[in-house]
Amino acid sequence: MSPLLSTALEEARLLAFSRPWILPSDNTLAEAERLLALVISRWPEPDVLVEPDGSVSLEWEAGEQGWLTLAVAGSAEVTHSAVIEGDEYGQVEPFGSELPDWAAALLRRLFPPPH
């Protein structure tokens, strides 16, 4: 398991003792690992969070440029929400072995290549 996901999971385990927190399923953890592997080498390292509902989200903030969240919940889908340059985005895409097209497009918009 990646160190980023492992740390997020440990934090969620601690919270689960005192709050109604659902830990991620094995499918969710596998999807989160796959998503991390697809983004970690091309874009800045995200913040990884285990959400109270058991989903796992990857979050990026880019100052005034905006922010993006990609989330998986073991359902073979990636949910994304973002505000980039003042425009709001939200969509759910099927998630297989590749990063979905729109999720990749949002990452490129948030972190455009240097000119």
PDB file of N, CA and C in Angstrom:
ATOM      1  N   MET A   1       0.852  -1.174   0.000  1.00  0.00           N
ATOM      2  CA  MET A   1       0.000   0.000   0.000  1.00  0.00           C
ATOM      3  C   MET A   1       0.898   1.238   0.000  1.00  0.00           C
ATOM      4  N   SER A   2       0.497   2.234  -0.762  1.00  0.00           N
ATOM      5  CA  SER A   2       1.302   3.456  -0.837  1.00  0.00           C
ATOM      6  C   SER A   2       1.332   4.131   0.530  1.00  0.00           C
ATOM      7  N   PRO A   3       2.425   4.809   0.839  1.00  0.00           N
ATOM      8  CA  PRO A   3       2.512   5.512   2.125  1.00  0.00           C
ATOM      9  C   PRO A   3       1.418   6.566   2.297  1.00  0.00           C
ATOM     10  N   LEU A   4       1.043   7.246   1.219  1.00  0.00           N
ATOM     11  CA  LEU A   4      -0.017   8.263   1.319  1.00  0.00           C
ATOM     12  C   LEU A   4      -1.342   7.632   1.729  1.00  0.00           C
ATOM     13  N   LEU A   5      -1.686   6.516   1.113  1.00  0.00           N
ATOM     14  CA  LEU A   5      -2.938   5.840   1.438  1.00  0.00           C
ATOM     15  C   LEU A   5      -2.863   5.207   2.822  1.00  0.00           C
ATOM     16  N   SER A   6      -1.740   4.639   3.151  1.00  0.00           N
ATOM     17  CA  SER A   6      -1.559   4.015   4.455  1.00  0.00           C
ATOM     18  C   SER A   6      -1.754   5.032   5.586  1.00  0.00           C
ATOM     19  N   THR A   7      -1.188   6.211   5.440  1.00  0.00           N
ATOM     20  CA  THR A   7      -1.339   7.263   6.451  1.00  0.00           C
ATOM     21  C   THR A   7      -2.795   7.690   6.577  1.00  0.00           C
ATOM     22  N   ALA A   8      -3.469   7.880   5.447  1.00  0.00           N
ATOM     23  CA  ALA A   8      -4.880   8.275   5.474  1.00  0.00           C
ATOM     24  C   ALA A   8      -5.738   7.193   6.128  1.00  0.00           C
ATOM     25  N   LEU A   9      -5.445   5.936   5.854  1.00  0.00           N
ATOM     26  CA  LEU A   9      -6.202   4.835   6.424  1.00  0.00           C
ATOM     27  C   LEU A   9      -5.988   4.756   7.933  1.00  0.00           C
ATOM     28  N   GLU A  10      -4.778   4.961   8.371  1.00  0.00           N
ATOM     29  CA  GLU A  10      -4.494   4.944   9.817  1.00  0.00           C
ATOM     30  C   GLU A  10      -5.250   6.063  10.527  1.00  0.00           C
ATOM     31  N   GLU A  11      -5.280   7.242   9.939  1.00  0.00           N
ATOM     32  CA  GLU A  11      -6.042   8.350  10.527  1.00  0.00           C
ATOM     33  C   GLU A  11      -7.524   7.998  10.613  1.00  0.00           C
ATOM     34  N   ALA A  12      -8.066   7.367   9.583  1.00  0.00           N
ATOM     35  CA  ALA A  12      -9.473   6.974   9.595  1.00  0.00           C
ATOM     36  C   ALA A  12      -9.737   5.906  10.653  1.00  0.00           C
ATOM     37  N   ARG A  13      -8.815   4.979  10.813  1.00  0.00           N
ATOM     38  CA  ARG A  13      -8.988   3.945  11.853  1.00  0.00           C
ATOM     39  C   ARG A  13      -9.066   4.579  13.230  1.00  0.00           C
ATOM     40  N   LEU A  14      -8.230   5.561  13.493  1.00  0.00           N
ATOM     41  CA  LEU A  14      -8.266   6.247  14.782  1.00  0.00           C
ATOM     42  C   LEU A  14      -9.592   6.975  14.981  1.00  0.00           C
ATOM     43  N   LEU A  15     -10.095   7.617  13.934  1.00  0.00           N
ATOM     44  CA  LEU A  15     -11.365   8.322  14.031  1.00  0.00           C
ATOM     45  C   LEU A  15     -12.539   7.363  14.197  1.00  0.00           C
ATOM     46  N   ALA A  16     -12.422   6.179  13.623  1.00  0.00           N
ATOM     47  CA  ALA A  16     -13.514   5.207  13.690  1.00  0.00           C
ATOM     48  C   ALA A  16     -13.792   4.742  15.115  1.00  0.00           C
ATOM     49  N   PHE A  17     -12.814   4.884  16.006  1.00  0.00           N
ATOM     50  CA  PHE A  17     -13.036   4.500  17.403  1.00  0.00           C
ATOM     51  C   PHE A  17     -13.984   5.452  18.116  1.00  0.00           C
ATOM     52  N   SER A  18     -14.004   6.709  17.697  1.00  0.00           N
ATOM     53  CA  SER A  18     -14.796   7.698  18.419  1.00  0.00           C
ATOM     54  C   SER A  18     -15.928   8.316  17.608  1.00  0.00           C
ATOM     55  N   ARG A  19     -16.048   7.960  16.355  1.00  0.00           N
ATOM     56  CA  ARG A  19     -17.067   8.546  15.481  1.00  0.00           C
ATOM     57  C   ARG A  19     -17.672   7.477  14.585  1.00  0.00           C
ATOM     58  N   PRO A  20     -18.848   7.755  14.050  1.00  0.00           N
ATOM     59  CA  PRO A  20     -19.448   6.785  13.109  1.00  0.00           C
ATOM     60  C   PRO A  20     -18.763   6.875  11.745  1.00  0.00           C
ATOM     61  N   TRP A  21     -17.601   6.287  11.624  1.00  0.00           N
ATOM     62  CA  TRP A  21     -16.759   6.376  10.446  1.00  0.00           C
ATOM     63  C   TRP A  21     -16.699   5.014   9.792  1.00  0.00           C
ATOM     64  N   ILE A  22     -16.931   4.930   8.499  1.00  0.00           N
ATOM     65  CA  ILE A  22     -16.864   3.670   7.760  1.00  0.00           C
ATOM     66  C   ILE A  22     -15.472   3.548   7.143  1.00  0.00           C
ATOM     67  N   LEU A  23     -14.818   2.442   7.391  1.00  0.00           N
ATOM     68  CA  LEU A  23     -13.508   2.220   6.777  1.00  0.00           C
ATOM     69  C   LEU A  23     -13.701   1.741   5.338  1.00  0.00           C
ATOM     70  N   PRO A  24     -12.767   2.076   4.452  1.00  0.00           N
ATOM     71  CA  PRO A  24     -12.901   1.695   3.041  1.00  0.00           C
ATOM     72  C   PRO A  24     -12.904   0.173   2.857  1.00  0.00           C
ATOM     73  N   SER A  25     -13.671  -0.263   1.862  1.00  0.00           N
ATOM     74  CA  SER A  25     -13.682  -1.677   1.496  1.00  0.00           C
ATOM     75  C   SER A  25     -12.392  -2.025   0.759  1.00  0.00           C
ATOM     76  N   ASP A  26     -12.149  -3.305   0.595  1.00  0.00           N
ATOM     77  CA  ASP A  26     -10.980  -3.744  -0.175  1.00  0.00           C
ATOM     78  C   ASP A  26     -11.043  -3.211  -1.603  1.00  0.00           C
ATOM     79  N   ASN A  27     -12.253  -3.196  -2.208  1.00  0.00           N
ATOM     80  CA  ASN A  27     -12.403  -2.656  -3.565  1.00  0.00           C
ATOM     81  C   ASN A  27     -12.045  -1.170  -3.608  1.00  0.00           C
ATOM     82  N   THR A  28     -12.483  -0.434  -2.604  1.00  0.00           N
ATOM     83  CA  THR A  28     -12.172   0.997  -2.555  1.00  0.00           C
ATOM     84  C   THR A  28     -10.675   1.214  -2.423  1.00  0.00           C
ATOM     85  N   LEU A  29     -10.029   0.454  -1.557  1.00  0.00           N
ATOM     86  CA  LEU A  29      -8.578   0.589  -1.384  1.00  0.00           C
ATOM     87  C   LEU A  29      -7.838   0.232  -2.673  1.00  0.00           C
ATOM     88  N   ALA A  30      -8.293  -0.801  -3.367  1.00  0.00           N
ATOM     89  CA  ALA A  30      -7.650  -1.179  -4.636  1.00  0.00           C
ATOM     90  C   ALA A  30      -7.819  -0.062  -5.670  1.00  0.00           C
ATOM     91  N   GLU A  31      -9.017   0.521  -5.740  1.00  0.00           N
ATOM     92  CA  GLU A  31      -9.232   1.629  -6.682  1.00  0.00           C
ATOM     93  C   GLU A  31      -8.376   2.836  -6.304  1.00  0.00           C
ATOM     94  N   ALA A  32      -8.277   3.124  -5.024  1.00  0.00           N
ATOM     95  CA  ALA A  32      -7.464   4.261  -4.580  1.00  0.00           C
ATOM     96  C   ALA A  32      -5.993   4.048  -4.935  1.00  0.00           C
ATOM     97  N   GLU A  33      -5.495   2.841  -4.739  1.00  0.00           N
ATOM     98  CA  GLU A  33      -4.115   2.526  -5.120  1.00  0.00           C
ATOM     99  C   GLU A  33      -3.900   2.724  -6.615  1.00  0.00           C
ATOM    100  N   ARG A  34      -4.843   2.233  -7.409  1.00  0.00           N
ATOM    101  CA  ARG A  34      -4.745   2.362  -8.867  1.00  0.00           C
ATOM    102  C   ARG A  34      -4.789   3.823  -9.284  1.00  0.00           C
ATOM    103  N   LEU A  35      -5.695   4.590  -8.696  1.00  0.00           N
ATOM    104  CA  LEU A  35      -5.794   6.012  -9.021  1.00  0.00           C
ATOM    105  C   LEU A  35      -4.516   6.750  -8.645  1.00  0.00           C
ATOM    106  N   LEU A  36      -3.997   6.474  -7.466  1.00  0.00           N
ATOM    107  CA  LEU A  36      -2.729   7.104  -7.061  1.00  0.00           C
ATOM    108  C   LEU A  36      -1.609   6.772  -8.035  1.00  0.00           C
ATOM    109  N   ALA A  37      -1.515   5.516  -8.416  1.00  0.00           N
ATOM    110  CA  ALA A  37      -0.453   5.108  -9.344  1.00  0.00           C
ATOM    111  C   ALA A  37      -0.570   5.838 -10.680  1.00  0.00           C
ATOM    112  N   LEU A  38      -1.785   6.126 -11.107  1.00  0.00           N
ATOM    113  CA  LEU A  38      -1.994   6.798 -12.395  1.00  0.00           C
ATOM    114  C   LEU A  38      -1.663   8.287 -12.347  1.00  0.00           C
ATOM    115  N   VAL A  39      -1.769   8.912 -11.185  1.00  0.00           N
ATOM    116  CA  VAL A  39      -1.560  10.364 -11.119  1.00  0.00           C
ATOM    117  C   VAL A  39      -0.230  10.770 -10.511  1.00  0.00           C
ATOM    118  N   ILE A  40       0.348   9.933  -9.679  1.00  0.00           N
ATOM    119  CA  ILE A  40       1.498  10.349  -8.870  1.00  0.00           C
ATOM    120  C   ILE A  40       2.730  10.692  -9.701  1.00  0.00           C
ATOM    121  N   SER A  41       2.916  10.063 -10.830  1.00  0.00           N
ATOM    122  CA  SER A  41       4.130  10.330 -11.617  1.00  0.00           C
ATOM    123  C   SER A  41       3.974  11.519 -12.569  1.00  0.00           C
ATOM    124  N   ARG A  42       2.740  11.962 -12.812  1.00  0.00           N
ATOM    125  CA  ARG A  42       2.518  13.029 -13.796  1.00  0.00           C
ATOM    126  C   ARG A  42       2.145  14.367 -13.184  1.00  0.00           C
ATOM    127  N   TRP A  43       1.591  14.332 -11.958  1.00  0.00           N
ATOM    128  CA  TRP A  43       1.113  15.561 -11.335  1.00  0.00           C
ATOM    129  C   TRP A  43       1.631  15.656  -9.909  1.00  0.00           C
ATOM    130  N   PRO A  44       1.510  16.832  -9.297  1.00  0.00           N
ATOM    131  CA  PRO A  44       1.961  16.965  -7.913  1.00  0.00           C
ATOM    132  C   PRO A  44       1.260  15.963  -6.994  1.00  0.00           C
ATOM    133  N   GLU A  45       1.917  15.634  -5.910  1.00  0.00           N
ATOM    134  CA  GLU A  45       1.371  14.691  -4.941  1.00  0.00           C
ATOM    135  C   GLU A  45       0.086  15.249  -4.326  1.00  0.00           C
ATOM    136  N   PRO A  46      -0.981  14.457  -4.332  1.00  0.00           N
ATOM    137  CA  PRO A  46      -2.234  14.936  -3.739  1.00  0.00           C
ATOM    138  C   PRO A  46      -2.271  14.697  -2.238  1.00  0.00           C
ATOM    139  N   ASP A  47      -3.189  15.360  -1.568  1.00  0.00           N
ATOM    140  CA  ASP A  47      -3.557  14.983  -0.210  1.00  0.00           C
ATOM    141  C   ASP A  47      -4.505  13.805  -0.353  1.00  0.00           C
ATOM    142  N   VAL A  48      -4.290  12.761   0.420  1.00  0.00           N
ATOM    143  CA  VAL A  48      -5.138  11.572   0.362  1.00  0.00           C
ATOM    144  C   VAL A  48      -5.934  11.505   1.657  1.00  0.00           C
ATOM    145  N   LEU A  49      -7.250  11.379   1.519  1.00  0.00           N
ATOM    146  CA  LEU A  49      -8.136  11.350   2.678  1.00  0.00           C
ATOM    147  C   LEU A  49      -9.098  10.173   2.587  1.00  0.00           C
ATOM    148  N   VAL A  50      -9.328   9.520   3.721  1.00  0.00           N
ATOM    149  CA  VAL A  50     -10.408   8.555   3.821  1.00  0.00           C
ATOM    150  C   VAL A  50     -11.592   9.327   4.375  1.00  0.00           C
ATOM    151  N   GLU A  51     -12.677   9.324   3.628  1.00  0.00           N
ATOM    152  CA  GLU A  51     -13.861  10.101   3.996  1.00  0.00           C
ATOM    153  C   GLU A  51     -14.743   9.317   4.972  1.00  0.00           C
ATOM    154  N   PRO A  52     -15.613   9.991   5.720  1.00  0.00           N
ATOM    155  CA  PRO A  52     -16.471   9.304   6.696  1.00  0.00           C
ATOM    156  C   PRO A  52     -17.350   8.198   6.099  1.00  0.00           C
ATOM    157  N   ASP A  53     -17.682   8.308   4.800  1.00  0.00           N
ATOM    158  CA  ASP A  53     -18.532   7.298   4.159  1.00  0.00           C
ATOM    159  C   ASP A  53     -17.741   6.108   3.620  1.00  0.00           C
ATOM    160  N   GLY A  54     -16.416   6.080   3.840  1.00  0.00           N
ATOM    161  CA  GLY A  54     -15.580   4.978   3.382  1.00  0.00           C
ATOM    162  C   GLY A  54     -14.973   5.175   2.009  1.00  0.00           C
ATOM    163  N   SER A  55     -15.281   6.284   1.367  1.00  0.00           N
ATOM    164  CA  SER A  55     -14.632   6.577   0.084  1.00  0.00           C
ATOM    165  C   SER A  55     -13.227   7.134   0.349  1.00  0.00           C
ATOM    166  N   VAL A  56     -12.421   7.164  -0.693  1.00  0.00           N
ATOM    167  CA  VAL A  56     -11.074   7.721  -0.602  1.00  0.00           C
ATOM    168  C   VAL A  56     -10.977   8.844  -1.628  1.00  0.00           C
ATOM    169  N   SER A  57     -10.492   9.992  -1.183  1.00  0.00           N
ATOM    170  CA  SER A  57     -10.364  11.125  -2.101  1.00  0.00           C
ATOM    171  C   SER A  57      -8.917  11.562  -2.210  1.00  0.00           C
ATOM    172  N   LEU A  58      -8.585  12.019  -3.403  1.00  0.00           N
ATOM    173  CA  LEU A  58      -7.292  12.640  -3.693  1.00  0.00           C
ATOM    174  C   LEU A  58      -7.595  14.097  -3.974  1.00  0.00           C
ATOM    175  N   GLU A  59      -6.895  14.990  -3.272  1.00  0.00           N
ATOM    176  CA  GLU A  59      -7.194  16.409  -3.386  1.00  0.00           C
ATOM    177  C   GLU A  59      -5.936  17.202  -3.727  1.00  0.00           C
ATOM    178  N   TRP A  60      -6.123  18.152  -4.641  1.00  0.00           N
ATOM    179  CA  TRP A  60      -5.059  19.064  -5.028  1.00  0.00           C
ATOM    180  C   TRP A  60      -5.559  20.495  -4.878  1.00  0.00           C
ATOM    181  N   GLU A  61      -4.700  21.359  -4.394  1.00  0.00           N
ATOM    182  CA  GLU A  61      -4.977  22.794  -4.380  1.00  0.00           C
ATOM    183  C   GLU A  61      -3.841  23.473  -5.109  1.00  0.00           C
ATOM    184  N   ALA A  62      -4.180  24.452  -5.942  1.00  0.00           N
ATOM    185  CA  ALA A  62      -3.171  25.143  -6.739  1.00  0.00           C
ATOM    186  C   ALA A  62      -3.348  26.658  -6.602  1.00  0.00           C
ATOM    187  N   GLY A  63      -3.431  27.128  -5.366  1.00  0.00           N
ATOM    188  CA  GLY A  63      -3.532  28.564  -5.127  1.00  0.00           C
ATOM    189  C   GLY A  63      -4.716  29.181  -5.837  1.00  0.00           C
ATOM    190  N   GLU A  64      -4.464  30.287  -6.502  1.00  0.00           N
ATOM    191  CA  GLU A  64      -5.527  30.992  -7.207  1.00  0.00           C
ATOM    192  C   GLU A  64      -6.035  30.227  -8.426  1.00  0.00           C
ATOM    193  N   GLN A  65      -5.265  29.282  -8.916  1.00  0.00           N
ATOM    194  CA  GLN A  65      -5.682  28.461 -10.066  1.00  0.00           C
ATOM    195  C   GLN A  65      -6.930  27.667  -9.730  1.00  0.00           C
ATOM    196  N   GLY A  66      -6.995  27.112  -8.492  1.00  0.00           N
ATOM    197  CA  GLY A  66      -8.171  26.380  -8.079  1.00  0.00           C
ATOM    198  C   GLY A  66      -7.853  25.109  -7.319  1.00  0.00           C
ATOM    199  N   TRP A  67      -8.813  24.184  -7.323  1.00  0.00           N
ATOM    200  CA  TRP A  67      -8.667  22.916  -6.612  1.00  0.00           C
ATOM    201  C   TRP A  67      -9.401  21.809  -7.362  1.00  0.00           C
ATOM    202  N   LEU A  68      -9.019  20.573  -7.042  1.00  0.00           N
ATOM    203  CA  LEU A  68      -9.635  19.401  -7.670  1.00  0.00           C
ATOM    204  C   LEU A  68      -9.658  18.271  -6.660  1.00  0.00           C
ATOM    205  N   THR A  69     -10.767  17.538  -6.633  1.00  0.00           N
ATOM    206  CA  THR A  69     -10.896  16.329  -5.829  1.00  0.00           C
ATOM    207  C   THR A  69     -11.337  15.196  -6.734  1.00  0.00           C
ATOM    208  N   LEU A  70     -10.614  14.082  -6.670  1.00  0.00           N
ATOM    209  CA  LEU A  70     -11.007  12.832  -7.326  1.00  0.00           C
ATOM    210  C   LEU A  70     -11.295  11.838  -6.219  1.00  0.00           C
ATOM    211  N   ALA A  71     -12.435  11.142  -6.297  1.00  0.00           N
ATOM    212  CA  ALA A  71     -12.806  10.202  -5.241  1.00  0.00           C
ATOM    213  C   ALA A  71     -13.241   8.870  -5.830  1.00  0.00           C
ATOM    214  N   VAL A  72     -12.916   7.804  -5.097  1.00  0.00           N
ATOM    215  CA  VAL A  72     -13.340   6.457  -5.462  1.00  0.00           C
ATOM    216  C   VAL A  72     -14.032   5.824  -4.261  1.00  0.00           C
ATOM    217  N   ALA A  73     -14.969   4.914  -4.560  1.00  0.00           N
ATOM    218  CA  ALA A  73     -15.733   4.282  -3.486  1.00  0.00           C
ATOM    219  C   ALA A  73     -15.959   2.794  -3.741  1.00  0.00           C
ATOM    220  N   GLY A  74     -15.099   2.188  -4.551  1.00  0.00           N
ATOM    221  CA  GLY A  74     -15.234   0.757  -4.814  1.00  0.00           C
ATOM    222  C   GLY A  74     -16.315   0.407  -5.807  1.00  0.00           C
ATOM    223  N   SER A  75     -16.786   1.384  -6.566  1.00  0.00           N
ATOM    224  CA  SER A  75     -17.897   1.160  -7.497  1.00  0.00           C
ATOM    225  C   SER A  75     -17.485   1.246  -8.968  1.00  0.00           C
ATOM    226  N   ALA A  76     -16.175   1.202  -9.238  1.00  0.00           N
ATOM    227  CA  ALA A  76     -15.642   1.296 -10.603  1.00  0.00           C
ATOM    228  C   ALA A  76     -15.964   2.639 -11.245  1.00  0.00           C
ATOM    229  N   GLU A  77     -16.024   3.682 -10.417  1.00  0.00           N
ATOM    230  CA  GLU A  77     -16.263   5.044 -10.897  1.00  0.00           C
ATOM    231  C   GLU A  77     -15.331   6.006 -10.174  1.00  0.00           C
ATOM    232  N   VAL A  78     -15.003   7.093 -10.859  1.00  0.00           N
ATOM    233  CA  VAL A  78     -14.273   8.199 -10.247  1.00  0.00           C
ATOM    234  C   VAL A  78     -15.219   9.394 -10.239  1.00  0.00           C
ATOM    235  N   THR A  79     -15.382   9.973  -9.069  1.00  0.00           N
ATOM    236  CA  THR A  79     -16.190  11.181  -8.936  1.00  0.00           C
ATOM    237  C   THR A  79     -15.229  12.345  -8.815  1.00  0.00           C
ATOM    238  N   HIS A  80     -15.460  13.375  -9.614  1.00  0.00           N
ATOM    239  CA  HIS A  80     -14.589  14.525  -9.474  1.00  0.00           C
ATOM    240  C   HIS A  80     -15.396  15.797  -9.315  1.00  0.00           C
ATOM    241  N   SER A  81     -14.796  16.688  -8.546  1.00  0.00           N
ATOM    242  CA  SER A  81     -15.348  18.028  -8.386  1.00  0.00           C
ATOM    243  C   SER A  81     -14.162  18.971  -8.371  1.00  0.00           C
ATOM    244  N   ALA A  82     -14.391  20.165  -8.912  1.00  0.00           N
ATOM    245  CA  ALA A  82     -13.288  21.110  -9.030  1.00  0.00           C
ATOM    246  C   ALA A  82     -13.820  22.517  -9.232  1.00  0.00           C
ATOM    247  N   VAL A  83     -12.977  23.454  -8.872  1.00  0.00           N
ATOM    248  CA  VAL A  83     -13.136  24.843  -9.287  1.00  0.00           C
ATOM    249  C   VAL A  83     -11.773  25.234  -9.845  1.00  0.00           C
ATOM    250  N   ILE A  84     -11.746  25.516 -11.138  1.00  0.00           N
ATOM    251  CA  ILE A  84     -10.489  25.862 -11.807  1.00  0.00           C
ATOM    252  C   ILE A  84     -10.711  27.161 -12.562  1.00  0.00           C
ATOM    253  N   GLU A  85      -9.918  28.158 -12.237  1.00  0.00           N
ATOM    254  CA  GLU A  85     -10.027  29.488 -12.839  1.00  0.00           C
ATOM    255  C   GLU A  85     -11.467  30.000 -12.785  1.00  0.00           C
ATOM    256  N   GLY A  86     -12.144  29.749 -11.663  1.00  0.00           N
ATOM    257  CA  GLY A  86     -13.498  30.243 -11.468  1.00  0.00           C
ATOM    258  C   GLY A  86     -14.600  29.396 -12.059  1.00  0.00           C
ATOM    259  N   ASP A  87     -14.263  28.378 -12.851  1.00  0.00           N
ATOM    260  CA  ASP A  87     -15.262  27.489 -13.437  1.00  0.00           C
ATOM    261  C   ASP A  87     -15.441  26.260 -12.544  1.00  0.00           C
ATOM    262  N   GLU A  88     -16.702  25.865 -12.317  1.00  0.00           N
ATOM    263  CA  GLU A  88     -16.998  24.706 -11.488  1.00  0.00           C
ATOM    264  C   GLU A  88     -17.207  23.474 -12.359  1.00  0.00           C
ATOM    265  N   TYR A  89     -16.688  22.346 -11.875  1.00  0.00           N
ATOM    266  CA  TYR A  89     -16.808  21.082 -12.587  1.00  0.00           C
ATOM    267  C   TYR A  89     -17.263  19.998 -11.619  1.00  0.00           C
ATOM    268  N   GLY A  90     -18.022  19.058 -12.106  1.00  0.00           N
ATOM    269  CA  GLY A  90     -18.417  17.894 -11.328  1.00  0.00           C
ATOM    270  C   GLY A  90     -18.913  16.823 -12.274  1.00  0.00           C
ATOM    271  N   GLN A  91     -18.445  15.603 -12.076  1.00  0.00           N
ATOM    272  CA  GLN A  91     -18.836  14.521 -12.976  1.00  0.00           C
ATOM    273  C   GLN A  91     -18.462  13.188 -12.349  1.00  0.00           C
ATOM    274  N   VAL A  92     -19.102  12.147 -12.808  1.00  0.00           N
ATOM    275  CA  VAL A  92     -18.763  10.779 -12.440  1.00  0.00           C
ATOM    276  C   VAL A  92     -18.417  10.050 -13.731  1.00  0.00           C
ATOM    277  N   GLU A  93     -17.275   9.352 -13.733  1.00  0.00           N
ATOM    278  CA  GLU A  93     -16.829   8.616 -14.925  1.00  0.00           C
ATOM    279  C   GLU A  93     -16.524   7.170 -14.557  1.00  0.00           C
ATOM    280  N   PRO A  94     -16.697   6.248 -15.492  1.00  0.00           N
ATOM    281  CA  PRO A  94     -16.264   4.874 -15.254  1.00  0.00           C
ATOM    282  C   PRO A  94     -14.757   4.843 -15.008  1.00  0.00           C
ATOM    283  N   PHE A  95     -14.325   3.941 -14.125  1.00  0.00           N
ATOM    284  CA  PHE A  95     -12.907   3.849 -13.790  1.00  0.00           C
ATOM    285  C   PHE A  95     -12.436   2.422 -13.978  1.00  0.00           C
ATOM    286  N   GLY A  96     -11.579   2.256 -14.963  1.00  0.00           N
ATOM    287  CA  GLY A  96     -10.984   0.951 -15.226  1.00  0.00           C
ATOM    288  C   GLY A  96      -9.494   1.006 -14.962  1.00  0.00           C
ATOM    289  N   SER A  97      -8.720   0.631 -15.951  1.00  0.00           N
ATOM    290  CA  SER A  97      -7.269   0.585 -15.781  1.00  0.00           C
ATOM    291  C   SER A  97      -6.581   1.905 -16.146  1.00  0.00           C
ATOM    292  N   GLU A  98      -7.312   2.819 -16.765  1.00  0.00           N
ATOM    293  CA  GLU A  98      -6.749   4.105 -17.184  1.00  0.00           C
ATOM    294  C   GLU A  98      -7.431   5.250 -16.436  1.00  0.00           C
ATOM    295  N   LEU A  99      -6.736   6.372 -16.349  1.00  0.00           N
ATOM    296  CA  LEU A  99      -7.336   7.565 -15.778  1.00  0.00           C
ATOM    297  C   LEU A  99      -8.422   8.058 -16.736  1.00  0.00           C
ATOM    298  N   PRO A 100      -9.642   8.259 -16.255  1.00  0.00           N
ATOM    299  CA  PRO A 100     -10.707   8.726 -17.142  1.00  0.00           C
ATOM    300  C   PRO A 100     -10.332  10.041 -17.828  1.00  0.00           C
ATOM    301  N   ASP A 101     -10.825  10.216 -19.049  1.00  0.00           N
ATOM    302  CA  ASP A 101     -10.459  11.378 -19.878  1.00  0.00           C
ATOM    303  C   ASP A 101     -10.722  12.710 -19.195  1.00  0.00           C
ATOM    304  N   TRP A 102     -11.904  12.875 -18.619  1.00  0.00           N
ATOM    305  CA  TRP A 102     -12.234  14.176 -18.050  1.00  0.00           C
ATOM    306  C   TRP A 102     -11.422  14.448 -16.788  1.00  0.00           C
ATOM    307  N   ALA A 103     -11.164  13.420 -15.998  1.00  0.00           N
ATOM    308  CA  ALA A 103     -10.312  13.596 -14.815  1.00  0.00           C
ATOM    309  C   ALA A 103      -8.915  14.051 -15.244  1.00  0.00           C
ATOM    310  N   ALA A 104      -8.372  13.448 -16.288  1.00  0.00           N
ATOM    311  CA  ALA A 104      -7.053  13.856 -16.789  1.00  0.00           C
ATOM    312  C   ALA A 104      -7.086  15.274 -17.329  1.00  0.00           C
ATOM    313  N   ALA A 105      -8.166  15.628 -18.019  1.00  0.00           N
ATOM    314  CA  ALA A 105      -8.283  16.992 -18.552  1.00  0.00           C
ATOM    315  C   ALA A 105      -8.320  18.017 -17.426  1.00  0.00           C
ATOM    316  N   LEU A 106      -9.017  17.707 -16.349  1.00  0.00           N
ATOM    317  CA  LEU A 106      -9.068  18.643 -15.217  1.00  0.00           C
ATOM    318  C   LEU A 106      -7.701  18.792 -14.555  1.00  0.00           C
ATOM    319  N   LEU A 107      -6.973  17.702 -14.430  1.00  0.00           N
ATOM    320  CA  LEU A 107      -5.619  17.796 -13.876  1.00  0.00           C
ATOM    321  C   LEU A 107      -4.724  18.655 -14.764  1.00  0.00           C
ATOM    322  N   ARG A 108      -4.854  18.497 -16.080  1.00  0.00           N
ATOM    323  CA  ARG A 108      -4.049  19.329 -16.996  1.00  0.00           C
ATOM    324  C   ARG A 108      -4.449  20.800 -16.893  1.00  0.00           C
ATOM    325  N   ARG A 109      -5.736  21.073 -16.672  1.00  0.00           N
ATOM    326  CA  ARG A 109      -6.173  22.467 -16.518  1.00  0.00           C
ATOM    327  C   ARG A 109      -5.670  23.064 -15.209  1.00  0.00           C
ATOM    328  N   LEU A 110      -5.674  22.251 -14.157  1.00  0.00           N
ATOM    329  CA  LEU A 110      -5.208  22.749 -12.863  1.00  0.00           C
ATOM    330  C   LEU A 110      -3.696  22.941 -12.851  1.00  0.00           C
ATOM    331  N   PHE A 111      -2.994  22.048 -13.522  1.00  0.00           N
ATOM    332  CA  PHE A 111      -1.521  22.088 -13.562  1.00  0.00           C
ATOM    333  C   PHE A 111      -1.054  22.107 -15.013  1.00  0.00           C
ATOM    334  N   PRO A 112      -1.266  23.234 -15.712  1.00  0.00           N
ATOM    335  CA  PRO A 112      -0.851  23.286 -17.126  1.00  0.00           C
ATOM    336  C   PRO A 112       0.666  23.179 -17.250  1.00  0.00           C
ATOM    337  N   PRO A 113       1.124  22.580 -18.354  1.00  0.00           N
ATOM    338  CA  PRO A 113       2.572  22.474 -18.557  1.00  0.00           C
ATOM    339  C   PRO A 113       3.172  23.869 -18.745  1.00  0.00           C
ATOM    340  N   PRO A 114       4.420  24.051 -18.305  1.00  0.00           N
ATOM    341  CA  PRO A 114       5.064  25.361 -18.488  1.00  0.00           C
ATOM    342  C   PRO A 114       5.227  25.672 -19.965  1.00  0.00           C
ATOM    343  N   HIS A 115       5.120  26.949 -20.271  1.00  0.00           N
ATOM    344  CA  HIS A 115       5.254  27.377 -21.677  1.00  0.00           C
ATOM    345  C   HIS A 115       6.644  27.854 -21.957  1.00  0.00           C
TER     346      HIS A 115
END
